[in-house]
Amino acid sequence: QSLAWKLADQLGWPDTFVAESDITLSTARSGLPRGVSPGEKWIEVKILPGTLTAYEGEKPVMASLFSPGKGGVPVPGLDHTKYATTAMGYFPIEWKDHVATMSNETGAPEVLWFTDVPHIQYLKAPLAMHVAYWHEDFGNPKSAECVNVSPEDGHFLFNWTEPGLPEGWGAIRPGDGNGKSTPVIITAK
């Protein structure tokens, strides 16, 4: 039996069939990555197949699709920004913006920008995890380089990660009494 058939049966839909190619399976990681403490909040981002999982220690608390850079997996030695690939590595959240204008251009944007982008979490600027309200193609490479999430997922992640944004604040940076940073680990697979 295919994975799709088993899933439909477990959900109580015995007469429902789904093409296996229409399913993206996200499995929980076994063990903590280096740099993450037991019980700590962290996020695992896998460029291929475009899945994102939020954990508290080894327990997954949320999993979803996201859109990585349209250039696919970065090639060593090539600039990930220039080739629209999502950088890989260990990225503690640098700061969080409730809403802002975003562009991959230096200085005042002239070619590409999006206004009123909500729930932005900068990993290593300009790399950010943020809501993409301009498309619904999550799971497929689409962004300039960022981790694009749906409005619902972006809202959850923004409120779940540390540091929390105090009421009335527009942005926050970890440290200096604001709390620690949630690490985001981005891998190819």
N, C-alpha and C. Protein backbone atom coordinates (compact mmCIF):
# COMPACT_ATOMS: atom_id res chain seq x y z
N GLN A 1 0.85 -1.19 0.00
CA GLN A 1 0.00 0.00 0.00
C GLN A 1 0.88 1.24 0.00
N SER A 2 0.45 2.25 -0.69
CA SER A 2 1.23 3.48 -0.76
C SER A 2 1.05 4.30 0.52
N LEU A 3 1.99 5.19 0.73
CA LEU A 3 1.93 6.10 1.87
C LEU A 3 0.66 6.93 1.83
N ALA A 4 0.28 7.41 0.64
CA ALA A 4 -0.92 8.23 0.50
C ALA A 4 -2.16 7.45 0.91
N TRP A 5 -2.27 6.17 0.51
CA TRP A 5 -3.42 5.36 0.86
C TRP A 5 -3.49 5.18 2.38
N LYS A 6 -2.34 4.87 3.00
CA LYS A 6 -2.30 4.67 4.45
C LYS A 6 -2.72 5.94 5.18
N LEU A 7 -2.25 7.10 4.72
CA LEU A 7 -2.60 8.37 5.35
C LEU A 7 -4.10 8.62 5.25
N ALA A 8 -4.69 8.44 4.07
CA ALA A 8 -6.13 8.65 3.89
C ALA A 8 -6.92 7.71 4.78
N ASP A 9 -6.48 6.45 4.90
CA ASP A 9 -7.16 5.49 5.75
C ASP A 9 -7.08 5.89 7.22
N GLN A 10 -5.91 6.34 7.67
CA GLN A 10 -5.74 6.75 9.07
C GLN A 10 -6.58 7.98 9.40
N LEU A 11 -6.81 8.84 8.43
CA LEU A 11 -7.62 10.03 8.67
C LEU A 11 -9.11 9.74 8.62
N GLY A 12 -9.46 8.49 8.37
CA GLY A 12 -10.87 8.13 8.32
C GLY A 12 -11.50 8.40 6.96
N TRP A 13 -10.68 8.47 5.93
CA TRP A 13 -11.16 8.69 4.57
C TRP A 13 -10.84 7.46 3.72
N PRO A 14 -11.43 6.30 4.02
CA PRO A 14 -11.03 5.06 3.34
C PRO A 14 -11.27 5.06 1.84
N ASP A 15 -12.19 5.86 1.33
CA ASP A 15 -12.47 5.89 -0.11
C ASP A 15 -11.82 7.08 -0.80
N THR A 16 -10.88 7.73 -0.13
CA THR A 16 -10.19 8.89 -0.70
C THR A 16 -8.81 8.46 -1.17
N PHE A 17 -8.47 8.88 -2.37
CA PHE A 17 -7.17 8.55 -2.93
C PHE A 17 -6.43 9.83 -3.28
N VAL A 18 -5.16 9.86 -2.97
CA VAL A 18 -4.32 11.01 -3.25
C VAL A 18 -3.07 10.50 -3.95
N ALA A 19 -2.65 11.21 -4.97
CA ALA A 19 -1.42 10.82 -5.65
C ALA A 19 -0.24 11.03 -4.71
N GLU A 20 0.63 10.05 -4.64
CA GLU A 20 1.78 10.14 -3.76
C GLU A 20 2.63 11.37 -4.09
N SER A 21 2.63 11.79 -5.35
CA SER A 21 3.40 12.97 -5.74
C SER A 21 2.81 14.26 -5.18
N ASP A 22 1.57 14.20 -4.67
CA ASP A 22 0.93 15.38 -4.09
C ASP A 22 1.16 15.50 -2.59
N ILE A 23 1.95 14.61 -2.01
CA ILE A 23 2.18 14.61 -0.57
C ILE A 23 3.64 14.93 -0.28
N THR A 24 3.84 15.79 0.69
CA THR A 24 5.19 16.04 1.20
C THR A 24 5.21 15.54 2.63
N LEU A 25 6.08 14.60 2.91
CA LEU A 25 6.17 14.00 4.24
C LEU A 25 7.29 14.66 5.02
N SER A 26 6.97 15.09 6.21
CA SER A 26 7.97 15.69 7.09
C SER A 26 8.13 14.76 8.29
N THR A 27 9.33 14.25 8.49
CA THR A 27 9.57 13.35 9.62
C THR A 27 10.38 14.07 10.68
N ALA A 28 10.10 13.74 11.93
CA ALA A 28 10.81 14.37 13.05
C ALA A 28 12.27 13.93 13.06
N ARG A 29 13.11 14.85 13.36
CA ARG A 29 14.54 14.60 13.47
C ARG A 29 14.79 13.79 14.73
N SER A 30 15.76 12.89 14.69
CA SER A 30 16.12 12.17 15.91
C SER A 30 17.37 12.83 16.48
N GLY A 31 17.30 13.24 17.70
CA GLY A 31 18.42 13.90 18.36
C GLY A 31 18.45 15.39 18.06
N LEU A 32 19.13 16.11 18.94
CA LEU A 32 19.24 17.56 18.81
C LEU A 32 20.46 17.93 17.95
N PRO A 33 20.34 18.98 17.15
CA PRO A 33 21.52 19.43 16.41
C PRO A 33 22.51 20.10 17.36
N ARG A 34 23.74 20.17 16.91
CA ARG A 34 24.78 20.85 17.69
C ARG A 34 24.36 22.29 17.97
N GLY A 35 24.54 22.74 19.20
CA GLY A 35 24.21 24.11 19.57
C GLY A 35 22.82 24.30 20.13
N VAL A 36 22.00 23.24 20.15
CA VAL A 36 20.64 23.33 20.68
C VAL A 36 20.58 22.52 21.97
N SER A 37 20.06 23.14 23.03
CA SER A 37 19.97 22.51 24.35
C SER A 37 18.65 21.76 24.51
N PRO A 38 18.61 20.74 25.37
CA PRO A 38 17.35 20.02 25.63
C PRO A 38 16.25 21.00 26.06
N GLY A 39 15.07 20.86 25.48
CA GLY A 39 13.93 21.71 25.83
C GLY A 39 13.92 23.06 25.12
N GLU A 40 14.99 23.44 24.47
CA GLU A 40 15.09 24.74 23.79
C GLU A 40 14.23 24.76 22.53
N LYS A 41 13.64 25.92 22.23
CA LYS A 41 12.91 26.11 20.98
C LYS A 41 13.92 26.28 19.85
N TRP A 42 13.62 25.65 18.70
CA TRP A 42 14.45 25.81 17.52
C TRP A 42 13.65 25.42 16.30
N ILE A 43 14.13 25.81 15.12
CA ILE A 43 13.42 25.54 13.87
C ILE A 43 14.36 24.87 12.89
N GLU A 44 13.88 23.79 12.27
CA GLU A 44 14.63 23.09 11.23
C GLU A 44 13.98 23.41 9.88
N VAL A 45 14.79 23.90 8.94
CA VAL A 45 14.33 24.27 7.61
C VAL A 45 15.09 23.41 6.60
N LYS A 46 14.35 22.65 5.79
CA LYS A 46 14.96 21.79 4.77
C LYS A 46 14.60 22.35 3.39
N ILE A 47 15.63 22.81 2.66
CA ILE A 47 15.40 23.42 1.35
C ILE A 47 14.69 22.44 0.42
N LEU A 48 15.15 21.20 0.39
CA LEU A 48 14.50 20.15 -0.39
C LEU A 48 13.96 19.13 0.61
N PRO A 49 12.72 19.05 0.83
CA PRO A 49 11.57 19.30 -0.03
C PRO A 49 10.77 20.55 0.31
N GLY A 50 11.34 21.55 0.95
CA GLY A 50 10.61 22.77 1.29
C GLY A 50 9.77 22.62 2.55
N THR A 51 10.35 21.94 3.57
CA THR A 51 9.62 21.76 4.83
C THR A 51 10.30 22.52 5.96
N LEU A 52 9.49 22.94 6.89
CA LEU A 52 9.93 23.68 8.07
C LEU A 52 9.26 23.03 9.28
N THR A 53 10.05 22.73 10.32
CA THR A 53 9.50 22.12 11.54
C THR A 53 9.99 22.90 12.75
N ALA A 54 9.06 23.30 13.60
CA ALA A 54 9.39 23.98 14.86
C ALA A 54 9.42 22.94 15.97
N TYR A 55 10.46 22.99 16.79
CA TYR A 55 10.67 22.02 17.87
C TYR A 55 10.79 22.71 19.22
N GLU A 56 10.43 21.98 20.25
CA GLU A 56 10.80 22.30 21.63
C GLU A 56 11.60 21.09 22.09
N GLY A 57 12.92 21.26 22.12
CA GLY A 57 13.80 20.13 22.35
C GLY A 57 13.68 19.17 21.18
N GLU A 58 13.36 17.90 21.46
CA GLU A 58 13.21 16.91 20.39
C GLU A 58 11.77 16.73 19.94
N LYS A 59 10.84 17.51 20.54
CA LYS A 59 9.42 17.37 20.23
C LYS A 59 8.98 18.38 19.16
N PRO A 60 8.53 17.87 17.99
CA PRO A 60 8.00 18.79 16.98
C PRO A 60 6.67 19.38 17.45
N VAL A 61 6.50 20.71 17.31
CA VAL A 61 5.25 21.35 17.72
C VAL A 61 4.49 21.92 16.53
N MET A 62 5.14 21.99 15.37
CA MET A 62 4.49 22.52 14.17
C MET A 62 5.35 22.15 12.96
N ALA A 63 4.71 21.75 11.88
CA ALA A 63 5.41 21.47 10.63
C ALA A 63 4.59 22.02 9.48
N SER A 64 5.27 22.55 8.47
CA SER A 64 4.57 23.13 7.34
C SER A 64 5.49 23.20 6.13
N LEU A 65 4.95 23.68 5.03
CA LEU A 65 5.72 23.93 3.84
C LEU A 65 6.19 25.38 3.83
N PHE A 66 7.31 25.65 3.19
CA PHE A 66 7.79 27.01 2.99
C PHE A 66 8.39 27.07 1.59
N SER A 67 8.65 28.26 1.10
CA SER A 67 9.29 28.40 -0.20
C SER A 67 10.71 28.94 -0.01
N PRO A 68 11.70 28.15 -0.43
CA PRO A 68 13.09 28.61 -0.38
C PRO A 68 13.42 29.47 -1.61
N GLY A 69 14.67 29.89 -1.70
CA GLY A 69 15.13 30.68 -2.84
C GLY A 69 14.92 29.95 -4.16
N LYS A 70 14.52 30.70 -5.18
CA LYS A 70 14.20 30.09 -6.48
C LYS A 70 15.41 29.47 -7.16
N GLY A 71 16.62 29.76 -6.68
CA GLY A 71 17.83 29.17 -7.25
C GLY A 71 18.14 27.79 -6.73
N GLY A 72 17.33 27.28 -5.80
CA GLY A 72 17.56 25.94 -5.25
C GLY A 72 18.60 25.92 -4.15
N VAL A 73 19.28 24.80 -4.03
CA VAL A 73 20.30 24.63 -2.98
C VAL A 73 21.54 25.44 -3.37
N PRO A 74 22.14 26.17 -2.42
CA PRO A 74 23.32 26.97 -2.76
C PRO A 74 24.50 26.11 -3.21
N VAL A 75 25.29 26.67 -4.10
CA VAL A 75 26.50 26.03 -4.60
C VAL A 75 27.68 26.66 -3.87
N PRO A 76 28.54 25.83 -3.24
CA PRO A 76 29.69 26.39 -2.53
C PRO A 76 30.51 27.32 -3.43
N GLY A 77 30.84 28.48 -2.88
CA GLY A 77 31.65 29.46 -3.60
C GLY A 77 30.83 30.49 -4.37
N LEU A 78 29.53 30.25 -4.57
CA LEU A 78 28.69 31.21 -5.28
C LEU A 78 27.86 32.01 -4.27
N ASP A 79 27.68 33.29 -4.53
CA ASP A 79 26.92 34.19 -3.66
C ASP A 79 25.44 33.79 -3.66
N HIS A 80 24.92 33.37 -2.49
CA HIS A 80 23.53 32.92 -2.44
C HIS A 80 22.54 34.04 -2.75
N THR A 81 22.89 35.28 -2.44
CA THR A 81 21.99 36.39 -2.74
C THR A 81 21.91 36.61 -4.26
N LYS A 82 23.04 36.62 -4.93
CA LYS A 82 23.08 36.84 -6.38
C LYS A 82 22.34 35.74 -7.14
N TYR A 83 22.45 34.49 -6.66
CA TYR A 83 21.84 33.36 -7.36
C TYR A 83 20.51 32.93 -6.75
N ALA A 84 19.96 33.73 -5.86
CA ALA A 84 18.63 33.49 -5.27
C ALA A 84 18.51 32.12 -4.63
N THR A 85 19.53 31.74 -3.86
CA THR A 85 19.46 30.49 -3.10
C THR A 85 19.39 30.83 -1.62
N THR A 86 18.80 29.96 -0.84
CA THR A 86 18.69 30.17 0.60
C THR A 86 19.95 29.64 1.28
N ALA A 87 20.63 30.51 2.01
CA ALA A 87 21.87 30.12 2.69
C ALA A 87 21.60 28.99 3.68
N MET A 88 22.59 28.11 3.85
CA MET A 88 22.47 27.01 4.80
C MET A 88 23.35 27.31 6.01
N GLY A 89 22.94 26.79 7.17
CA GLY A 89 23.74 26.95 8.37
C GLY A 89 22.89 27.10 9.61
N TYR A 90 23.55 27.54 10.66
CA TYR A 90 22.94 27.76 11.98
C TYR A 90 22.74 29.26 12.12
N PHE A 91 21.50 29.71 12.25
CA PHE A 91 21.19 31.13 12.29
C PHE A 91 20.31 31.47 13.49
N PRO A 92 20.88 31.99 14.58
CA PRO A 92 20.02 32.51 15.64
C PRO A 92 19.30 33.77 15.12
N ILE A 93 18.05 33.92 15.44
CA ILE A 93 17.29 35.08 14.98
C ILE A 93 17.99 36.36 15.46
N GLU A 94 18.32 37.25 14.50
CA GLU A 94 19.02 38.50 14.81
C GLU A 94 18.08 39.58 15.31
N TRP A 95 16.94 39.72 14.67
CA TRP A 95 15.91 40.64 15.13
C TRP A 95 14.60 40.32 14.45
N LYS A 96 13.52 40.85 15.04
CA LYS A 96 12.18 40.61 14.54
C LYS A 96 11.49 41.94 14.29
N ASP A 97 10.84 42.07 13.14
CA ASP A 97 10.04 43.25 12.80
C ASP A 97 8.59 42.82 12.67
N HIS A 98 7.70 43.56 13.34
CA HIS A 98 6.28 43.26 13.25
C HIS A 98 5.79 43.44 11.81
N VAL A 99 6.22 44.52 11.15
CA VAL A 99 5.87 44.79 9.75
C VAL A 99 6.89 45.76 9.18
N ALA A 100 7.25 45.56 7.90
CA ALA A 100 8.23 46.45 7.25
C ALA A 100 8.15 46.29 5.74
N THR A 101 8.84 47.18 5.03
CA THR A 101 9.03 47.03 3.58
C THR A 101 10.27 46.20 3.39
N MET A 102 10.20 45.23 2.48
CA MET A 102 11.34 44.34 2.23
C MET A 102 11.80 44.44 0.79
N SER A 103 13.13 44.35 0.61
CA SER A 103 13.74 44.33 -0.71
C SER A 103 15.08 43.64 -0.59
N ASN A 104 15.53 43.01 -1.67
CA ASN A 104 16.86 42.41 -1.66
C ASN A 104 17.91 43.39 -2.20
N GLU A 105 17.50 44.63 -2.44
CA GLU A 105 18.41 45.66 -2.96
C GLU A 105 19.05 46.43 -1.80
N THR A 106 20.28 46.87 -2.02
CA THR A 106 20.96 47.71 -1.03
C THR A 106 20.48 49.14 -1.23
N GLY A 107 20.23 49.85 -0.14
CA GLY A 107 19.74 51.23 -0.24
C GLY A 107 18.26 51.26 -0.55
N ALA A 108 17.83 52.37 -1.14
CA ALA A 108 16.41 52.52 -1.49
C ALA A 108 16.05 51.56 -2.62
N PRO A 109 15.00 50.76 -2.43
CA PRO A 109 14.64 49.80 -3.49
C PRO A 109 14.13 50.51 -4.74
N GLU A 110 14.59 50.02 -5.89
CA GLU A 110 14.19 50.61 -7.17
C GLU A 110 13.53 49.60 -8.10
N VAL A 111 13.82 48.30 -7.92
CA VAL A 111 13.32 47.28 -8.84
C VAL A 111 12.34 46.34 -8.14
N LEU A 112 12.70 45.83 -6.96
CA LEU A 112 11.89 44.82 -6.28
C LEU A 112 11.70 45.19 -4.82
N TRP A 113 10.46 45.34 -4.41
CA TRP A 113 10.17 45.55 -3.00
C TRP A 113 8.72 45.16 -2.71
N PHE A 114 8.48 44.81 -1.46
CA PHE A 114 7.15 44.48 -0.99
C PHE A 114 6.89 45.32 0.25
N THR A 115 5.75 45.99 0.29
CA THR A 115 5.43 46.82 1.44
C THR A 115 4.55 46.06 2.42
N ASP A 116 4.57 46.51 3.65
CA ASP A 116 3.74 45.95 4.72
C ASP A 116 3.88 44.44 4.86
N VAL A 117 5.11 43.95 4.80
CA VAL A 117 5.37 42.52 5.00
C VAL A 117 5.30 42.27 6.51
N PRO A 118 4.40 41.39 6.95
CA PRO A 118 4.29 41.13 8.39
C PRO A 118 5.20 40.00 8.85
N HIS A 119 5.47 40.01 10.15
CA HIS A 119 6.13 38.91 10.85
C HIS A 119 7.48 38.51 10.22
N ILE A 120 8.39 39.46 10.20
CA ILE A 120 9.73 39.25 9.63
C ILE A 120 10.68 38.88 10.76
N GLN A 121 11.44 37.79 10.53
CA GLN A 121 12.46 37.38 11.49
C GLN A 121 13.78 37.26 10.72
N TYR A 122 14.69 38.20 10.96
CA TYR A 122 15.97 38.21 10.25
C TYR A 122 16.90 37.18 10.85
N LEU A 123 17.48 36.37 9.96
CA LEU A 123 18.40 35.31 10.38
C LEU A 123 19.85 35.78 10.22
N LYS A 124 20.17 36.34 9.07
CA LYS A 124 21.44 36.99 8.79
C LYS A 124 21.15 37.91 7.61
N ALA A 125 20.77 39.14 7.93
CA ALA A 125 20.28 40.08 6.92
C ALA A 125 21.17 40.08 5.69
N PRO A 126 20.56 40.02 4.50
CA PRO A 126 19.14 40.16 4.20
C PRO A 126 18.32 38.86 4.31
N LEU A 127 18.95 37.74 4.68
CA LEU A 127 18.22 36.47 4.83
C LEU A 127 17.23 36.59 5.98
N ALA A 128 15.97 36.28 5.69
CA ALA A 128 14.92 36.37 6.71
C ALA A 128 13.90 35.25 6.51
N MET A 129 13.18 34.98 7.58
CA MET A 129 12.02 34.10 7.54
C MET A 129 10.83 35.04 7.68
N HIS A 130 9.95 35.08 6.67
CA HIS A 130 8.87 36.05 6.70
C HIS A 130 7.66 35.59 5.92
N VAL A 131 6.55 36.25 6.18
CA VAL A 131 5.31 35.99 5.45
C VAL A 131 5.49 36.42 4.00
N ALA A 132 4.96 35.62 3.09
CA ALA A 132 4.89 35.97 1.67
C ALA A 132 3.42 35.97 1.29
N TYR A 133 2.80 37.15 1.30
CA TYR A 133 1.38 37.24 0.97
C TYR A 133 1.16 37.31 -0.54
N TRP A 134 2.23 37.41 -1.32
CA TRP A 134 2.13 37.58 -2.77
C TRP A 134 2.15 36.27 -3.55
N HIS A 135 2.26 35.14 -2.87
CA HIS A 135 2.14 33.86 -3.57
C HIS A 135 1.63 32.78 -2.62
N GLU A 136 1.20 31.67 -3.19
CA GLU A 136 0.70 30.53 -2.41
C GLU A 136 1.38 29.25 -2.87
N ASP A 137 2.61 29.35 -3.31
CA ASP A 137 3.34 28.22 -3.89
C ASP A 137 4.32 27.62 -2.88
N PHE A 138 3.87 27.47 -1.65
CA PHE A 138 4.75 27.00 -0.58
C PHE A 138 5.15 25.55 -0.81
N GLY A 139 6.40 25.25 -0.54
CA GLY A 139 6.97 23.94 -0.80
C GLY A 139 7.83 23.94 -2.05
N ASN A 140 7.71 24.99 -2.86
CA ASN A 140 8.48 25.09 -4.10
C ASN A 140 9.41 26.30 -4.04
N PRO A 141 10.59 26.22 -4.66
CA PRO A 141 11.52 27.36 -4.70
C PRO A 141 10.85 28.55 -5.38
N LYS A 142 10.84 29.69 -4.67
CA LYS A 142 10.09 30.84 -5.17
C LYS A 142 10.71 32.18 -4.77
N SER A 143 11.40 32.23 -3.65
CA SER A 143 11.82 33.51 -3.09
C SER A 143 13.14 34.01 -3.68
N ALA A 144 13.48 35.24 -3.34
CA ALA A 144 14.76 35.82 -3.77
C ALA A 144 15.91 35.14 -3.02
N GLU A 145 15.69 34.75 -1.78
CA GLU A 145 16.65 33.99 -0.98
C GLU A 145 16.09 33.62 0.38
N CYS A 146 14.99 34.22 0.75
CA CYS A 146 14.44 34.07 2.10
C CYS A 146 13.64 32.79 2.28
N VAL A 147 13.24 32.57 3.53
CA VAL A 147 12.36 31.49 3.91
C VAL A 147 10.95 32.09 3.92
N ASN A 148 10.18 31.86 2.83
CA ASN A 148 8.82 32.39 2.70
C ASN A 148 7.84 31.45 3.38
N VAL A 149 6.99 32.00 4.25
CA VAL A 149 5.96 31.20 4.92
C VAL A 149 4.60 31.84 4.68
N SER A 150 3.55 31.04 4.89
CA SER A 150 2.19 31.54 4.72
C SER A 150 1.86 32.54 5.84
N PRO A 151 0.84 33.37 5.65
CA PRO A 151 0.45 34.31 6.71
C PRO A 151 0.13 33.61 8.04
N GLU A 152 -0.58 32.49 7.99
CA GLU A 152 -0.92 31.77 9.23
C GLU A 152 0.34 31.21 9.91
N ASP A 153 1.23 30.59 9.12
CA ASP A 153 2.46 30.05 9.69
C ASP A 153 3.37 31.16 10.21
N GLY A 154 3.45 32.26 9.46
CA GLY A 154 4.28 33.39 9.89
C GLY A 154 3.82 33.98 11.20
N HIS A 155 2.50 34.07 11.38
CA HIS A 155 1.94 34.59 12.64
C HIS A 155 2.31 33.67 13.80
N PHE A 156 2.11 32.36 13.59
CA PHE A 156 2.45 31.40 14.65
C PHE A 156 3.93 31.50 15.00
N LEU A 157 4.80 31.40 13.99
CA LEU A 157 6.25 31.37 14.24
C LEU A 157 6.74 32.66 14.90
N PHE A 158 6.22 33.80 14.46
CA PHE A 158 6.64 35.09 15.02
C PHE A 158 6.31 35.16 16.51
N ASN A 159 5.13 34.68 16.89
CA ASN A 159 4.73 34.71 18.29
C ASN A 159 5.35 33.59 19.12
N TRP A 160 5.76 32.51 18.47
CA TRP A 160 6.32 31.36 19.18
C TRP A 160 7.81 31.53 19.46
N THR A 161 8.57 32.12 18.52
CA THR A 161 10.02 32.24 18.69
C THR A 161 10.38 33.27 19.75
N GLU A 162 11.62 33.14 20.20
CA GLU A 162 12.16 34.08 21.18
C GLU A 162 13.16 34.99 20.50
N PRO A 163 13.26 36.24 20.93
CA PRO A 163 12.50 36.85 22.01
C PRO A 163 11.09 37.24 21.56
N GLY A 164 10.19 37.27 22.52
CA GLY A 164 8.83 37.70 22.23
C GLY A 164 8.80 39.21 22.03
N LEU A 165 7.89 39.67 21.19
CA LEU A 165 7.74 41.10 20.94
C LEU A 165 6.73 41.67 21.93
N PRO A 166 7.19 42.56 22.83
CA PRO A 166 6.25 43.14 23.80
C PRO A 166 5.15 43.95 23.11
N GLU A 167 3.99 43.99 23.72
CA GLU A 167 2.86 44.73 23.18
C GLU A 167 3.26 46.19 22.96
N GLY A 168 2.91 46.70 21.79
CA GLY A 168 3.20 48.09 21.47
C GLY A 168 4.55 48.30 20.80
N TRP A 169 5.40 47.29 20.78
CA TRP A 169 6.71 47.40 20.14
C TRP A 169 6.57 47.03 18.67
N GLY A 170 7.41 47.62 17.82
CA GLY A 170 7.42 47.30 16.39
C GLY A 170 8.50 46.31 16.03
N ALA A 171 9.56 46.23 16.86
CA ALA A 171 10.67 45.34 16.56
C ALA A 171 11.40 45.00 17.85
N ILE A 172 12.21 43.94 17.80
CA ILE A 172 13.01 43.55 18.96
C ILE A 172 14.25 42.79 18.49
N ARG A 173 15.32 42.98 19.24
CA ARG A 173 16.57 42.27 19.02
C ARG A 173 16.85 41.47 20.30
N PRO A 174 17.33 40.23 20.19
CA PRO A 174 17.63 39.45 21.40
C PRO A 174 18.81 40.05 22.17
N GLY A 175 18.89 39.67 23.42
CA GLY A 175 19.98 40.15 24.28
C GLY A 175 19.59 41.43 25.00
N ASP A 176 20.50 41.95 25.79
CA ASP A 176 20.28 43.20 26.54
C ASP A 176 18.97 43.18 27.32
N GLY A 177 18.64 42.03 27.93
CA GLY A 177 17.43 41.92 28.73
C GLY A 177 16.18 41.59 27.93
N ASN A 178 16.29 41.49 26.61
CA ASN A 178 15.13 41.18 25.77
C ASN A 178 14.85 39.70 25.63
N GLY A 179 15.76 38.86 26.12
CA GLY A 179 15.60 37.41 25.99
C GLY A 179 16.58 36.86 24.98
N LYS A 180 16.63 35.53 24.95
CA LYS A 180 17.57 34.88 24.03
C LYS A 180 16.96 34.73 22.65
N SER A 181 17.75 34.18 21.74
CA SER A 181 17.35 34.04 20.34
C SER A 181 17.01 32.58 20.04
N THR A 182 16.00 32.38 19.23
CA THR A 182 15.66 31.04 18.76
C THR A 182 16.54 30.70 17.57
N PRO A 183 17.24 29.56 17.60
CA PRO A 183 18.06 29.18 16.44
C PRO A 183 17.23 28.57 15.31
N VAL A 184 17.62 28.89 14.09
CA VAL A 184 17.02 28.34 12.88
C VAL A 184 18.14 27.62 12.15
N ILE A 185 17.95 26.34 11.88
CA ILE A 185 18.97 25.53 11.21
C ILE A 185 18.46 25.20 9.82
N ILE A 186 19.20 25.66 8.80
CA ILE A 186 18.81 25.46 7.40
C ILE A 186 19.76 24.45 6.76
N THR A 187 19.18 23.39 6.21
CA THR A 187 19.96 22.34 5.54
C THR A 187 19.40 22.11 4.14
N ALA A 188 20.16 21.40 3.30
CA ALA A 188 19.69 21.08 1.95
C ALA A 188 18.54 20.09 2.01
N LYS A 189 18.70 19.01 2.82
CA LYS A 189 17.67 17.97 2.91
C LYS A 189 17.44 17.59 4.35
